Amino acid sequence: LAQRLIKKLCQCKKKITLDANNVKLIVGEENFKSFEDVIDENGQIELWEAGGCSKCEGSGHYGRIGVYEFIKINKDLAKFINQPRDVISINEWVKENMPWFTTISNDAMEKVKMGIISLTDAAAELDEE
């Protein structure tokens, strides 16, 4: 289990439109795949950013929410990782053999698309990994 807490956007959040290429620069090639389904015909992506109101005392954030990844080790994975392996080969094996697995970055990007957290906050928090 891996988890991070990220500031949640307040109800006063503001909709913004960003160029898809800029989003790709912010989140990286791998995480950008999460946004491919929301790019409009002009190459733009609508997301949310912090606003400011009396409820959040002008910060644009109200509370925190977790982003998670969880992996249950089954027999096949245990057998694979029981041998000397580097992290990259383990990650590749998990992606190929456990398609349901969601990384902490994927969970964060989905919450960005839903307007729960901002792209800026997700990128800053996940950049610390």
Protein backbone atom coordinates (compact mmCIF):
# COMPACT_ATOMS: atom_id res chain seq x y z
CA LEU A 1 0.00 0.00 0.00
CA ALA A 2 1.28 3.45 -0.91
CA GLN A 3 -0.61 6.62 -0.14
CA ARG A 4 -0.29 10.37 -0.20
CA LEU A 5 -2.58 13.13 1.03
CA ILE A 6 -3.22 15.97 -1.40
CA LYS A 7 -5.11 19.20 -0.80
CA LYS A 8 -8.71 18.93 -2.00
CA LEU A 9 -10.20 21.74 -4.08
CA CYS A 10 -12.93 23.73 -2.38
CA GLN A 11 -16.40 24.13 -3.91
CA CYS A 12 -15.27 27.56 -5.16
CA LYS A 13 -12.90 25.93 -7.68
CA LYS A 14 -12.55 27.55 -11.10
CA LYS A 15 -12.59 25.80 -14.46
CA ILE A 16 -9.50 26.37 -16.60
CA THR A 17 -8.51 25.31 -20.10
CA LEU A 18 -4.97 24.14 -20.75
CA ASP A 19 -3.18 23.17 -23.91
CA ALA A 20 -2.70 19.38 -23.97
CA ASN A 21 1.01 19.79 -24.69
CA ASN A 22 1.43 21.88 -21.54
CA VAL A 23 -0.34 19.22 -19.49
CA LYS A 24 2.02 16.61 -20.96
CA LEU A 25 5.03 18.72 -19.91
CA ILE A 26 3.68 19.03 -16.36
CA VAL A 27 2.74 15.38 -15.76
CA GLY A 28 5.12 13.51 -18.05
CA GLU A 29 4.53 11.07 -20.90
CA GLU A 30 3.32 8.12 -18.79
CA ASN A 31 0.82 10.08 -16.68
CA PHE A 32 -0.43 12.00 -19.73
CA LYS A 33 -2.10 8.82 -21.03
CA SER A 34 -4.76 9.40 -18.35
CA PHE A 35 -5.80 12.62 -20.13
CA GLU A 36 -6.03 11.37 -23.71
CA ASP A 37 -9.78 10.77 -23.38
CA VAL A 38 -10.53 14.40 -22.37
CA ILE A 39 -8.63 16.32 -25.07
CA ASP A 40 -11.03 18.36 -27.19
CA GLU A 41 -10.79 18.89 -30.96
CA ASN A 42 -8.62 21.99 -30.41
CA GLY A 43 -6.04 20.11 -28.34
CA GLN A 44 -7.32 21.61 -25.08
CA ILE A 45 -8.13 20.01 -21.71
CA GLU A 46 -10.60 21.47 -19.21
CA LEU A 47 -9.50 21.09 -15.60
CA TRP A 48 -10.04 22.86 -12.28
CA GLU A 49 -7.87 25.13 -10.13
CA ALA A 50 -8.19 26.67 -6.69
CA GLY A 51 -10.55 29.61 -6.35
CA GLY A 52 -11.07 31.31 -3.01
CA CYS A 53 -14.07 31.91 -0.74
CA SER A 54 -15.01 32.37 2.91
CA LYS A 55 -15.38 28.59 3.45
CA CYS A 56 -11.73 27.94 2.53
CA GLU A 57 -10.56 31.34 3.83
CA GLY A 58 -9.40 32.30 0.35
CA SER A 59 -7.02 29.37 -0.10
CA GLY A 60 -9.12 27.48 -2.66
CA HIS A 61 -8.58 24.25 -0.71
CA TYR A 62 -10.75 22.55 1.87
CA GLY A 63 -9.49 19.34 3.42
CA ARG A 64 -7.30 16.62 1.99
CA ILE A 65 -7.91 13.44 0.07
CA GLY A 66 -5.81 10.34 -0.32
CA VAL A 67 -4.34 9.01 -3.52
CA TYR A 68 -3.47 5.34 -3.34
CA GLU A 69 -1.94 2.32 -4.91
CA PHE A 70 -2.37 -1.16 -3.52
CA ILE A 71 -1.04 -4.43 -4.75
CA LYS A 72 -1.93 -7.82 -3.39
CA ILE A 73 0.95 -10.21 -3.79
CA ASN A 74 -0.27 -13.41 -5.43
CA LYS A 75 1.71 -16.59 -6.10
CA ASP A 76 2.94 -15.46 -9.52
CA LEU A 77 4.17 -12.08 -8.27
CA ALA A 78 5.78 -13.67 -5.20
CA LYS A 79 7.61 -16.15 -7.44
CA PHE A 80 8.76 -13.31 -9.73
CA ILE A 81 10.04 -11.00 -6.97
CA ASN A 82 11.66 -13.86 -5.07
CA GLN A 83 14.46 -13.71 -7.63
CA PRO A 84 16.95 -10.82 -7.65
CA ARG A 85 15.22 -8.13 -9.74
CA ASP A 86 15.45 -4.40 -10.18
CA VAL A 87 12.46 -2.14 -9.58
CA ILE A 88 12.01 -1.42 -13.29
CA SER A 89 11.61 -5.08 -14.22
CA ILE A 90 9.14 -5.62 -11.35
CA ASN A 91 7.08 -2.60 -12.47
CA GLU A 92 7.04 -3.86 -16.06
CA TRP A 93 5.96 -7.33 -14.93
CA VAL A 94 3.13 -5.89 -12.83
CA LYS A 95 1.89 -3.74 -15.75
CA GLU A 96 1.86 -6.74 -18.10
CA ASN A 97 0.38 -9.29 -15.71
CA MET A 98 -1.90 -7.22 -13.47
CA PRO A 99 -3.81 -4.84 -15.77
CA TRP A 100 -6.18 -3.86 -12.95
CA PHE A 101 -3.31 -2.37 -10.94
CA THR A 102 -3.48 1.42 -10.56
CA THR A 103 -0.43 3.43 -9.56
CA ILE A 104 -0.58 6.31 -7.12
CA SER A 105 0.05 8.64 -10.08
CA ASN A 106 -2.87 7.15 -12.05
CA ASP A 107 -5.18 7.62 -9.06
CA ALA A 108 -4.05 11.24 -8.72
CA MET A 109 -4.59 11.96 -12.43
CA GLU A 110 -8.12 10.53 -12.26
CA LYS A 111 -8.88 12.81 -9.30
CA VAL A 112 -7.49 15.76 -11.27
CA LYS A 113 -9.83 14.94 -14.18
CA MET A 114 -12.79 14.74 -11.76
CA GLY A 115 -11.97 18.17 -10.32
CA ILE A 116 -11.23 16.85 -6.84
CA ILE A 117 -7.60 18.01 -6.80
CA SER A 118 -5.70 20.44 -8.98
CA LEU A 119 -3.11 19.45 -11.55
CA THR A 120 -0.58 21.73 -9.86
CA ASP A 121 -1.07 20.17 -6.43
CA ALA A 122 -0.97 16.61 -7.81
CA ALA A 123 2.18 17.28 -9.83
CA ALA A 124 3.94 18.96 -6.88
CA GLU A 125 3.07 16.17 -4.45
CA LEU A 126 3.93 13.33 -6.81
CA ASP A 127 7.15 15.01 -7.93
CA GLU A 128 8.48 14.35 -4.41
CA GLU A 129 8.39 10.55 -4.96
